[in-house]
N, C-alpha and C. Protein backbone atom coordinates (compact mmCIF):
# COMPACT_ATOMS: atom_id res chain seq x y z
N UNK A 1 -32.44 -19.90 -14.17
CA UNK A 1 -32.14 -19.54 -13.18
C UNK A 1 -32.73 -19.90 -11.97
N UNK A 2 -31.60 -19.75 -10.82
CA UNK A 2 -32.12 -20.03 -9.54
C UNK A 2 -33.27 -19.40 -8.35
N UNK A 3 -34.23 -19.49 -7.55
CA UNK A 3 -34.61 -18.92 -7.18
C UNK A 3 -33.45 -17.96 -6.31
N UNK A 4 -33.92 -17.04 -5.87
CA UNK A 4 -33.16 -16.15 -4.68
C UNK A 4 -32.88 -16.78 -3.34
N UNK A 5 -32.04 -17.44 -2.74
CA UNK A 5 -32.18 -18.20 -1.49
C UNK A 5 -32.17 -17.41 -0.20
N UNK A 6 -32.53 -16.58 -0.22
CA UNK A 6 -32.45 -15.42 0.81
C UNK A 6 -33.87 -13.91 0.76
N UNK A 7 -34.49 -13.80 1.47
CA UNK A 7 -34.95 -12.25 1.18
C UNK A 7 -34.25 -11.75 1.92
N UNK A 8 -33.99 -10.06 1.31
CA UNK A 8 -32.92 -9.22 2.27
C UNK A 8 -33.27 -7.72 1.54
N UNK A 9 -32.90 -6.61 2.61
CA UNK A 9 -33.32 -5.58 2.30
C UNK A 9 -32.52 -4.76 1.44
N UNK A 10 -31.15 -4.95 0.73
CA UNK A 10 -30.42 -4.52 0.30
C UNK A 10 -30.73 -4.29 -1.56
N UNK A 11 -31.78 -3.31 -2.30
CA UNK A 11 -32.03 -3.44 -3.52
C UNK A 11 -30.42 -3.72 -4.14
N UNK A 12 -29.27 -3.02 -3.57
CA UNK A 12 -28.29 -2.96 -4.62
C UNK A 12 -27.86 -5.13 -4.60
N UNK A 13 -27.55 -5.58 -3.40
CA UNK A 13 -27.67 -7.23 -3.45
C UNK A 13 -28.57 -7.43 -4.47
N UNK A 14 -29.61 -7.46 -4.30
CA UNK A 14 -30.53 -8.45 -5.07
C UNK A 14 -30.50 -7.72 -6.59
N UNK A 15 -30.11 -6.65 -6.75
CA UNK A 15 -29.57 -6.44 -8.25
C UNK A 15 -28.44 -7.18 -8.66
N UNK A 16 -27.36 -7.28 -7.81
CA UNK A 16 -26.08 -7.96 -8.22
C UNK A 16 -26.54 -9.36 -8.04
N UNK A 17 -27.45 -10.14 -7.67
CA UNK A 17 -27.43 -11.46 -7.70
C UNK A 17 -28.32 -11.43 -8.99
N UNK A 18 -29.46 -10.57 -9.29
CA UNK A 18 -29.53 -11.19 -10.54
C UNK A 18 -29.05 -11.33 -11.95
N UNK A 19 -27.90 -9.95 -12.13
CA UNK A 19 -27.02 -10.43 -13.24
C UNK A 19 -26.11 -11.00 -12.84
N UNK A 20 -25.69 -11.55 -11.88
CA UNK A 20 -24.72 -12.89 -11.98
C UNK A 20 -25.73 -14.03 -12.40
N UNK A 21 -26.98 -14.57 -12.01
CA UNK A 21 -27.69 -15.63 -12.29
C UNK A 21 -27.99 -15.15 -13.80
N UNK A 22 -27.91 -13.96 -14.59
CA UNK A 22 -27.79 -13.79 -16.12
C UNK A 22 -26.62 -14.19 -16.78
N UNK A 23 -25.53 -13.87 -15.65
CA UNK A 23 -23.74 -14.02 -16.08
C UNK A 23 -23.44 -12.58 -16.29
N UNK A 24 -24.16 -11.91 -16.23
CA UNK A 24 -23.42 -10.43 -16.01
C UNK A 24 -23.09 -10.12 -15.31
N UNK A 25 -21.48 -10.33 -15.47
CA UNK A 25 -20.28 -10.34 -14.20
C UNK A 25 -20.02 -8.83 -14.44
N UNK A 26 -19.81 -7.84 -15.43
CA UNK A 26 -19.72 -6.43 -15.18
C UNK A 26 -20.85 -5.80 -14.88
N UNK A 27 -22.38 -5.93 -15.07
CA UNK A 27 -22.93 -5.47 -14.26
C UNK A 27 -23.81 -5.92 -12.91
N UNK A 28 -23.21 -7.27 -12.69
CA UNK A 28 -22.88 -7.59 -11.10
C UNK A 28 -22.19 -6.71 -10.07
N UNK A 29 -20.90 -6.16 -10.19
CA UNK A 29 -19.97 -5.77 -9.27
C UNK A 29 -19.92 -4.12 -9.76
N UNK A 30 -20.68 -3.33 -9.87
CA UNK A 30 -20.95 -1.75 -10.12
C UNK A 30 -19.93 -1.67 -9.38
N UNK A 31 -19.66 0.05 -8.99
CA UNK A 31 -18.94 0.59 -8.33
C UNK A 31 -19.64 0.82 -6.98
N UNK A 32 -21.51 1.36 -7.45
CA UNK A 32 -22.01 1.41 -5.95
C UNK A 32 -22.29 0.82 -5.31
N UNK A 33 -22.30 -0.94 -5.78
CA UNK A 33 -22.86 -2.15 -5.66
C UNK A 33 -21.98 -2.35 -3.97
N UNK A 34 -20.57 -2.08 -5.16
CA UNK A 34 -19.53 -2.18 -4.20
C UNK A 34 -19.08 -1.41 -3.41
N UNK A 35 -19.38 -0.11 -2.93
CA UNK A 35 -19.05 0.34 -1.75
C UNK A 35 -19.84 0.63 -0.92
N UNK A 36 -21.20 -0.05 -1.55
CA UNK A 36 -22.69 -0.57 0.12
C UNK A 36 -22.25 -2.03 0.42
N UNK A 37 -21.44 -2.93 -0.12
CA UNK A 37 -21.27 -3.83 0.61
C UNK A 37 -19.93 -3.62 1.27
N UNK A 38 -18.67 -2.57 0.68
CA UNK A 38 -18.02 -2.47 1.93
C UNK A 38 -18.05 -1.35 3.01
N UNK A 39 -18.87 -0.31 2.84
CA UNK A 39 -19.63 0.25 3.46
C UNK A 39 -20.57 -0.86 5.10
N UNK A 40 -21.07 -1.39 4.31
CA UNK A 40 -21.77 -2.41 5.42
C UNK A 40 -20.68 -3.49 5.89
N UNK A 41 -20.06 -4.01 5.37
CA UNK A 41 -19.08 -4.45 6.19
C UNK A 41 -18.10 -4.37 6.92
N UNK A 42 -18.09 -3.00 6.53
CA UNK A 42 -17.15 -1.84 8.09
C UNK A 42 -18.03 -2.14 9.11
N UNK A 43 -19.28 -2.14 8.96
CA UNK A 43 -19.61 -1.40 10.18
C UNK A 43 -20.27 -2.79 10.89
N UNK A 44 -20.47 -4.03 9.89
CA UNK A 44 -21.20 -5.20 10.81
C UNK A 44 -20.57 -6.81 9.74
N UNK A 45 -19.04 -7.04 9.74
CA UNK A 45 -18.60 -7.69 8.98
C UNK A 45 -19.25 -9.40 9.00
N UNK A 46 -19.37 -9.53 10.58
CA UNK A 46 -20.13 -10.76 10.81
C UNK A 46 -21.58 -10.66 9.79
N UNK A 47 -22.13 -10.48 9.38
CA UNK A 47 -23.24 -9.96 8.33
C UNK A 47 -23.28 -10.69 7.04
N UNK A 48 -22.03 -9.08 6.70
CA UNK A 48 -22.24 -9.39 5.44
C UNK A 48 -21.40 -11.03 4.93
N UNK A 49 -20.33 -11.37 6.04
CA UNK A 49 -19.46 -12.40 5.97
C UNK A 49 -20.93 -13.44 5.90
N UNK A 50 -21.65 -13.71 6.64
CA UNK A 50 -22.90 -15.13 6.94
C UNK A 50 -23.97 -14.95 6.31
N UNK A 51 -23.78 -13.87 5.02
CA UNK A 51 -25.33 -13.22 4.22
C UNK A 51 -25.15 -14.91 3.44
N UNK A 52 -25.81 -15.25 3.39
CA UNK A 52 -26.16 -16.19 2.26
C UNK A 52 -26.61 -15.47 0.43
N UNK A 53 -26.85 -14.60 0.30
CA UNK A 53 -27.26 -13.90 -1.01
C UNK A 53 -25.89 -13.59 -1.15
N UNK A 54 -24.71 -12.58 -0.15
CA UNK A 54 -23.82 -12.44 -0.69
C UNK A 54 -23.06 -13.34 -0.88
N UNK A 55 -22.98 -14.64 -0.31
CA UNK A 55 -21.78 -15.27 -0.09
C UNK A 55 -22.07 -16.48 -1.61
N UNK A 56 -23.34 -16.62 -2.15
CA UNK A 56 -23.75 -16.94 -3.37
C UNK A 56 -23.10 -15.79 -4.40
N UNK A 57 -23.41 -14.94 -4.44
CA UNK A 57 -23.18 -14.42 -5.75
C UNK A 57 -21.91 -13.76 -5.59
N UNK A 58 -20.98 -14.03 -4.80
CA UNK A 58 -19.65 -13.79 -4.93
C UNK A 58 -19.46 -15.32 -5.23
N UNK A 59 -19.33 -16.35 -5.06
CA UNK A 59 -19.26 -17.68 -5.69
C UNK A 59 -19.16 -17.74 -7.12
N UNK A 60 -20.69 -17.09 -7.32
CA UNK A 60 -21.02 -17.16 -8.63
C UNK A 60 -20.14 -16.34 -9.54
N UNK A 61 -19.85 -15.41 -9.11
CA UNK A 61 -18.74 -14.22 -9.92
C UNK A 61 -17.31 -15.21 -10.05
N UNK A 62 -17.08 -15.40 -9.09
CA UNK A 62 -15.50 -16.09 -8.95
C UNK A 62 -15.52 -17.54 -10.14
N UNK A 63 -16.65 -17.91 -10.70
CA UNK A 63 -16.75 -19.04 -11.09
C UNK A 63 -16.57 -18.84 -12.57
N UNK A 64 -17.31 -17.23 -12.96
CA UNK A 64 -17.50 -16.87 -14.11
C UNK A 64 -16.38 -15.83 -14.47
N UNK A 65 -15.66 -15.50 -13.34
CA UNK A 65 -14.55 -14.72 -14.27
C UNK A 65 -13.60 -14.70 -13.94
N UNK A 66 -12.52 -15.19 -15.13
CA UNK A 66 -11.31 -16.03 -15.02
C UNK A 66 -10.36 -14.82 -15.96
N UNK A 67 -9.29 -14.93 -15.19
CA UNK A 67 -9.21 -14.62 -14.02
C UNK A 67 -9.70 -13.60 -13.17
N UNK A 68 -10.09 -13.89 -11.78
CA UNK A 68 -10.90 -12.74 -10.98
C UNK A 68 -10.17 -12.07 -10.52
N UNK A 69 -10.84 -10.57 -10.93
CA UNK A 69 -10.05 -9.50 -10.02
C UNK A 69 -9.81 -9.40 -8.85
N UNK A 70 -8.48 -8.71 -8.45
CA UNK A 70 -8.08 -8.61 -6.92
C UNK A 70 -9.03 -8.06 -5.90
N UNK A 71 -10.13 -7.33 -6.34
CA UNK A 71 -11.18 -7.05 -6.01
C UNK A 71 -12.07 -7.81 -5.38
N UNK A 72 -12.68 -8.49 -6.26
CA UNK A 72 -13.55 -9.65 -6.79
C UNK A 72 -13.16 -10.60 -5.56
N UNK A 73 -11.62 -10.95 -6.05
CA UNK A 73 -10.82 -11.95 -4.86
C UNK A 73 -11.33 -11.66 -3.41
N UNK A 74 -10.76 -10.45 -3.22
CA UNK A 74 -10.41 -10.04 -1.70
C UNK A 74 -11.76 -9.81 -1.18
N UNK A 75 -13.01 -9.44 -2.07
CA UNK A 75 -14.55 -9.51 -1.08
C UNK A 75 -14.89 -10.97 -0.99
N UNK A 76 -14.10 -12.18 -2.13
CA UNK A 76 -14.72 -13.01 -1.86
C UNK A 76 -14.00 -13.98 -0.66
N UNK A 77 -12.84 -13.69 -0.12
CA UNK A 77 -12.49 -14.32 0.80
C UNK A 77 -12.74 -13.82 1.50
N UNK A 78 -13.18 -12.40 2.01
CA UNK A 78 -13.83 -12.47 3.46
C UNK A 78 -15.14 -12.50 3.64
N UNK A 79 -15.77 -12.91 2.52
CA UNK A 79 -16.86 -13.76 3.19
C UNK A 79 -17.22 -14.85 3.01
N UNK A 80 -16.12 -15.86 2.38
CA UNK A 80 -15.77 -17.28 2.55
C UNK A 80 -15.97 -17.86 1.47
N UNK A 81 -15.44 -17.38 0.42
CA UNK A 81 -15.79 -18.16 -1.03
C UNK A 81 -14.42 -18.55 -1.40
C-alpha cells in the first residue's frame, strides 16, 4: 500500500483512494463518490483536473478495470489520465 499522495478535505475522495489501494474497484467508484466528484468538477474543473489524489485514483482504477466503463473512462479523460 502506498502513502496517500496528498492531504485532502473530501472524505469521499479519501475513501475512493483507500478502496483503489485495496483493488476494490466497485467500492472505489460508488454512486455518491461519482456524484460528489461530478459536482465538484462542475464548479471548479481545474481543481479536480489538477488534484493529485483524484488523478492517482483514476489511473489506478483504469489499470484495474478491463475494460474500463464508459463513465470511468470519461472521468479519467477529464482529469488527464
